[in-house]
Amino acid sequence: MAGTGDVVTIDGGDLGCARLLVLLRDRVATMAPGAVVHLVTADPVAPIDLPVWCHMTGHDYLGVVTGTDRPTYAVAVAAQPASTDARNPWHRGPRTV
């Protein structure tokens, strides 16, 4: 699961899931495997879309973070995630051989 270190928080505010996934994809690309991101968002679709995106990319969806005053979801960074399209992060990126 998660390695040692601080949790990185991304405050997505009222952004829709597409923009949230762009933020998340860009941030996890700079993080070490096992690092954890807490995504804070008011988007009601996030608890549906985040697990699907994690399954598609290989990141681990850790679920809802308890004890927070706003909806927050945790994701652990995968060692070798699948790429996603730069403009459409809910689609897989180009395959590499």
N, C-alpha and C. Protein backbone atom coordinates (compact mmCIF):
# COMPACT_ATOMS: atom_id res chain seq x y z
N MET A 1 0.84 -1.17 0.00
CA MET A 1 0.00 0.00 0.00
C MET A 1 0.89 1.23 0.00
N ALA A 2 0.57 2.23 0.80
CA ALA A 2 1.29 3.50 0.79
C ALA A 2 2.64 3.37 1.46
N GLY A 3 3.60 4.08 0.90
CA GLY A 3 4.92 4.11 1.50
C GLY A 3 4.96 5.18 2.57
N THR A 4 6.16 5.44 3.07
CA THR A 4 6.28 6.46 4.10
C THR A 4 6.29 7.83 3.45
N GLY A 5 6.02 8.84 4.23
CA GLY A 5 6.04 10.20 3.72
C GLY A 5 4.72 10.89 3.95
N ASP A 6 4.74 12.14 3.60
CA ASP A 6 3.55 12.96 3.78
C ASP A 6 2.49 12.64 2.73
N VAL A 7 1.28 12.92 3.10
CA VAL A 7 0.15 12.81 2.16
C VAL A 7 0.06 14.14 1.43
N VAL A 8 -0.09 14.08 0.12
CA VAL A 8 -0.27 15.28 -0.70
C VAL A 8 -1.77 15.50 -0.87
N THR A 9 -2.21 16.72 -0.62
CA THR A 9 -3.62 17.04 -0.77
C THR A 9 -3.83 17.91 -2.00
N ILE A 10 -4.81 17.52 -2.81
CA ILE A 10 -5.23 18.32 -3.96
C ILE A 10 -6.64 18.81 -3.65
N ASP A 11 -6.81 20.12 -3.63
CA ASP A 11 -8.13 20.69 -3.38
C ASP A 11 -8.79 20.97 -4.72
N GLY A 12 -9.73 20.11 -5.09
CA GLY A 12 -10.43 20.24 -6.36
C GLY A 12 -11.63 21.16 -6.30
N GLY A 13 -11.98 21.61 -5.10
CA GLY A 13 -13.11 22.53 -4.96
C GLY A 13 -14.36 22.02 -5.64
N ASP A 14 -14.92 22.84 -6.52
CA ASP A 14 -16.15 22.49 -7.23
C ASP A 14 -15.90 22.02 -8.66
N LEU A 15 -14.66 21.70 -8.99
CA LEU A 15 -14.36 21.25 -10.34
C LEU A 15 -15.09 19.96 -10.65
N GLY A 16 -15.45 19.80 -11.91
CA GLY A 16 -16.06 18.55 -12.35
C GLY A 16 -15.00 17.47 -12.45
N CYS A 17 -15.45 16.25 -12.60
CA CYS A 17 -14.54 15.11 -12.55
C CYS A 17 -13.48 15.14 -13.65
N ALA A 18 -13.81 15.61 -14.83
CA ALA A 18 -12.81 15.66 -15.90
C ALA A 18 -11.61 16.51 -15.50
N ARG A 19 -11.88 17.70 -14.97
CA ARG A 19 -10.79 18.58 -14.52
C ARG A 19 -10.06 17.99 -13.32
N LEU A 20 -10.81 17.34 -12.43
CA LEU A 20 -10.18 16.70 -11.28
C LEU A 20 -9.20 15.62 -11.72
N LEU A 21 -9.60 14.83 -12.71
CA LEU A 21 -8.73 13.76 -13.19
C LEU A 21 -7.48 14.32 -13.86
N VAL A 22 -7.59 15.45 -14.54
CA VAL A 22 -6.42 16.10 -15.12
C VAL A 22 -5.46 16.52 -14.01
N LEU A 23 -5.99 17.15 -12.97
CA LEU A 23 -5.16 17.56 -11.83
C LEU A 23 -4.50 16.35 -11.17
N LEU A 24 -5.29 15.33 -10.94
CA LEU A 24 -4.78 14.13 -10.28
C LEU A 24 -3.72 13.45 -11.13
N ARG A 25 -4.01 13.26 -12.40
CA ARG A 25 -3.05 12.60 -13.31
C ARG A 25 -1.72 13.35 -13.33
N ASP A 26 -1.78 14.69 -13.45
CA ASP A 26 -0.55 15.47 -13.51
C ASP A 26 0.24 15.40 -12.20
N ARG A 27 -0.47 15.39 -11.09
CA ARG A 27 0.22 15.37 -9.79
C ARG A 27 0.85 14.00 -9.50
N VAL A 28 0.12 12.92 -9.74
CA VAL A 28 0.67 11.59 -9.43
C VAL A 28 1.86 11.26 -10.34
N ALA A 29 1.93 11.89 -11.52
CA ALA A 29 3.06 11.65 -12.42
C ALA A 29 4.38 12.10 -11.82
N THR A 30 4.33 12.99 -10.83
CA THR A 30 5.54 13.51 -10.21
C THR A 30 5.86 12.85 -8.87
N MET A 31 5.04 11.86 -8.49
CA MET A 31 5.17 11.28 -7.15
C MET A 31 5.76 9.88 -7.20
N ALA A 32 6.36 9.49 -6.09
CA ALA A 32 6.96 8.16 -5.96
C ALA A 32 5.87 7.10 -5.80
N PRO A 33 6.14 5.89 -6.27
CA PRO A 33 5.18 4.80 -6.06
C PRO A 33 4.89 4.61 -4.57
N GLY A 34 3.63 4.39 -4.26
CA GLY A 34 3.21 4.20 -2.88
C GLY A 34 2.82 5.48 -2.17
N ALA A 35 3.18 6.64 -2.74
CA ALA A 35 2.78 7.90 -2.14
C ALA A 35 1.26 8.01 -2.19
N VAL A 36 0.70 8.80 -1.30
CA VAL A 36 -0.76 8.91 -1.21
C VAL A 36 -1.20 10.34 -1.49
N VAL A 37 -2.27 10.43 -2.28
CA VAL A 37 -2.90 11.72 -2.58
C VAL A 37 -4.28 11.72 -1.95
N HIS A 38 -4.62 12.81 -1.28
CA HIS A 38 -5.99 13.04 -0.82
C HIS A 38 -6.60 14.07 -1.76
N LEU A 39 -7.65 13.68 -2.43
CA LEU A 39 -8.34 14.57 -3.36
C LEU A 39 -9.60 15.08 -2.68
N VAL A 40 -9.66 16.39 -2.47
CA VAL A 40 -10.81 17.03 -1.84
C VAL A 40 -11.68 17.58 -2.96
N THR A 41 -12.95 17.19 -2.97
CA THR A 41 -13.83 17.64 -4.04
C THR A 41 -15.29 17.58 -3.63
N ALA A 42 -16.05 18.55 -4.14
CA ALA A 42 -17.49 18.56 -3.91
C ALA A 42 -18.24 17.84 -5.03
N ASP A 43 -17.51 17.35 -6.04
CA ASP A 43 -18.14 16.68 -7.17
C ASP A 43 -18.84 15.40 -6.71
N PRO A 44 -20.16 15.32 -6.88
CA PRO A 44 -20.89 14.14 -6.41
C PRO A 44 -20.57 12.86 -7.18
N VAL A 45 -19.92 12.99 -8.34
CA VAL A 45 -19.59 11.82 -9.16
C VAL A 45 -18.22 11.24 -8.79
N ALA A 46 -17.43 11.97 -8.03
CA ALA A 46 -16.08 11.52 -7.69
C ALA A 46 -16.03 10.12 -7.07
N PRO A 47 -16.92 9.76 -6.15
CA PRO A 47 -16.81 8.42 -5.57
C PRO A 47 -17.12 7.30 -6.58
N ILE A 48 -17.65 7.66 -7.73
CA ILE A 48 -17.90 6.68 -8.79
C ILE A 48 -16.73 6.69 -9.78
N ASP A 49 -16.33 7.89 -10.21
CA ASP A 49 -15.30 8.01 -11.24
C ASP A 49 -13.90 7.69 -10.75
N LEU A 50 -13.56 8.07 -9.53
CA LEU A 50 -12.20 7.83 -9.04
C LEU A 50 -11.83 6.35 -8.99
N PRO A 51 -12.67 5.47 -8.44
CA PRO A 51 -12.30 4.05 -8.45
C PRO A 51 -12.14 3.50 -9.86
N VAL A 52 -12.97 3.95 -10.79
CA VAL A 52 -12.88 3.48 -12.18
C VAL A 52 -11.57 3.96 -12.80
N TRP A 53 -11.24 5.24 -12.60
CA TRP A 53 -9.99 5.78 -13.14
C TRP A 53 -8.79 5.05 -12.54
N CYS A 54 -8.82 4.79 -11.25
CA CYS A 54 -7.72 4.06 -10.61
C CYS A 54 -7.59 2.65 -11.18
N HIS A 55 -8.71 1.98 -11.37
CA HIS A 55 -8.67 0.63 -11.95
C HIS A 55 -8.08 0.68 -13.36
N MET A 56 -8.45 1.69 -14.14
CA MET A 56 -7.97 1.83 -15.51
C MET A 56 -6.47 2.12 -15.56
N THR A 57 -5.98 2.92 -14.62
CA THR A 57 -4.58 3.35 -14.66
C THR A 57 -3.65 2.49 -13.82
N GLY A 58 -4.20 1.72 -12.88
CA GLY A 58 -3.37 0.90 -12.02
C GLY A 58 -3.08 1.50 -10.66
N HIS A 59 -3.51 2.74 -10.43
CA HIS A 59 -3.35 3.33 -9.10
C HIS A 59 -4.32 2.65 -8.14
N ASP A 60 -4.05 2.73 -6.84
CA ASP A 60 -4.92 2.10 -5.85
C ASP A 60 -5.88 3.12 -5.26
N TYR A 61 -7.17 2.88 -5.44
CA TYR A 61 -8.18 3.72 -4.81
C TYR A 61 -8.33 3.24 -3.37
N LEU A 62 -8.03 4.12 -2.43
CA LEU A 62 -8.06 3.75 -1.01
C LEU A 62 -9.37 4.10 -0.34
N GLY A 63 -10.24 4.83 -1.04
CA GLY A 63 -11.56 5.13 -0.50
C GLY A 63 -11.69 6.50 0.12
N VAL A 64 -12.78 6.64 0.83
CA VAL A 64 -13.13 7.91 1.49
C VAL A 64 -12.24 8.11 2.70
N VAL A 65 -11.75 9.32 2.85
CA VAL A 65 -10.95 9.69 4.02
C VAL A 65 -11.91 10.18 5.09
N THR A 66 -11.90 9.56 6.24
CA THR A 66 -12.80 9.95 7.33
C THR A 66 -12.18 11.07 8.16
N GLY A 67 -13.04 11.76 8.89
CA GLY A 67 -12.59 12.80 9.81
C GLY A 67 -12.26 14.12 9.12
N THR A 68 -12.75 14.32 7.92
CA THR A 68 -12.52 15.58 7.21
C THR A 68 -13.83 16.35 7.13
N ASP A 69 -13.73 17.66 6.97
CA ASP A 69 -14.94 18.48 6.91
C ASP A 69 -15.51 18.59 5.50
N ARG A 70 -14.76 18.14 4.49
CA ARG A 70 -15.25 18.12 3.10
C ARG A 70 -14.97 16.74 2.51
N PRO A 71 -15.74 16.33 1.51
CA PRO A 71 -15.52 15.02 0.91
C PRO A 71 -14.08 14.88 0.39
N THR A 72 -13.40 13.83 0.85
CA THR A 72 -12.00 13.61 0.50
C THR A 72 -11.80 12.13 0.19
N TYR A 73 -11.03 11.86 -0.86
CA TYR A 73 -10.81 10.51 -1.34
C TYR A 73 -9.31 10.27 -1.46
N ALA A 74 -8.86 9.05 -1.13
CA ALA A 74 -7.43 8.74 -1.13
C ALA A 74 -7.07 7.82 -2.29
N VAL A 75 -5.91 8.13 -2.89
CA VAL A 75 -5.36 7.33 -3.98
C VAL A 75 -3.89 7.10 -3.70
N ALA A 76 -3.45 5.83 -3.85
CA ALA A 76 -2.03 5.51 -3.73
C ALA A 76 -1.44 5.39 -5.13
N VAL A 77 -0.27 5.98 -5.32
CA VAL A 77 0.38 6.04 -6.63
C VAL A 77 0.96 4.67 -6.99
N ALA A 78 0.68 4.23 -8.21
CA ALA A 78 1.19 2.95 -8.71
C ALA A 78 2.63 3.09 -9.19
N ALA A 79 3.36 1.99 -9.17
CA ALA A 79 4.75 1.99 -9.64
C ALA A 79 4.83 2.18 -11.15
N GLN A 80 3.94 1.53 -11.89
CA GLN A 80 3.94 1.64 -13.35
C GLN A 80 2.51 1.82 -13.85
N PRO A 81 1.95 3.02 -13.65
CA PRO A 81 0.56 3.23 -14.08
C PRO A 81 0.43 3.24 -15.59
N ALA A 82 -0.75 2.87 -16.06
CA ALA A 82 -1.07 2.99 -17.48
C ALA A 82 -1.26 4.47 -17.80
N SER A 83 -0.83 4.89 -18.96
CA SER A 83 -0.97 6.30 -19.33
C SER A 83 -2.41 6.60 -19.74
N THR A 84 -2.76 7.86 -19.64
CA THR A 84 -4.07 8.32 -20.10
C THR A 84 -3.86 9.44 -21.10
N ASP A 85 -4.86 9.69 -21.89
CA ASP A 85 -4.83 10.74 -22.89
C ASP A 85 -4.65 12.09 -22.19
N ALA A 86 -3.79 12.94 -22.72
CA ALA A 86 -3.47 14.23 -22.09
C ALA A 86 -4.69 15.12 -21.93
N ARG A 87 -5.61 15.11 -22.88
CA ARG A 87 -6.78 15.98 -22.79
C ARG A 87 -8.00 15.28 -22.24
N ASN A 88 -7.99 13.96 -22.26
CA ASN A 88 -9.13 13.17 -21.81
C ASN A 88 -8.64 12.08 -20.87
N PRO A 89 -8.38 12.42 -19.61
CA PRO A 89 -7.73 11.47 -18.70
C PRO A 89 -8.58 10.26 -18.34
N TRP A 90 -9.79 10.21 -18.81
CA TRP A 90 -10.64 9.05 -18.57
C TRP A 90 -10.50 8.05 -19.72
N HIS A 91 -9.61 8.36 -20.70
CA HIS A 91 -9.29 7.45 -21.80
C HIS A 91 -7.84 7.03 -21.70
N ARG A 92 -7.53 5.80 -22.04
CA ARG A 92 -6.15 5.35 -22.04
C ARG A 92 -5.34 6.14 -23.07
N GLY A 93 -4.08 6.32 -22.75
CA GLY A 93 -3.17 7.02 -23.66
C GLY A 93 -2.65 6.07 -24.72
N PRO A 94 -1.76 6.57 -25.54
CA PRO A 94 -1.20 5.72 -26.60
C PRO A 94 -0.41 4.56 -25.99
N ARG A 95 -0.50 3.44 -26.64
CA ARG A 95 0.24 2.26 -26.17
C ARG A 95 1.69 2.38 -26.61
N THR A 96 2.58 1.94 -25.71
CA THR A 96 3.99 1.91 -26.05
C THR A 96 4.42 0.46 -26.12
N VAL A 97 5.37 0.18 -27.00
CA VAL A 97 5.84 -1.20 -27.17
C VAL A 97 7.21 -1.34 -26.59
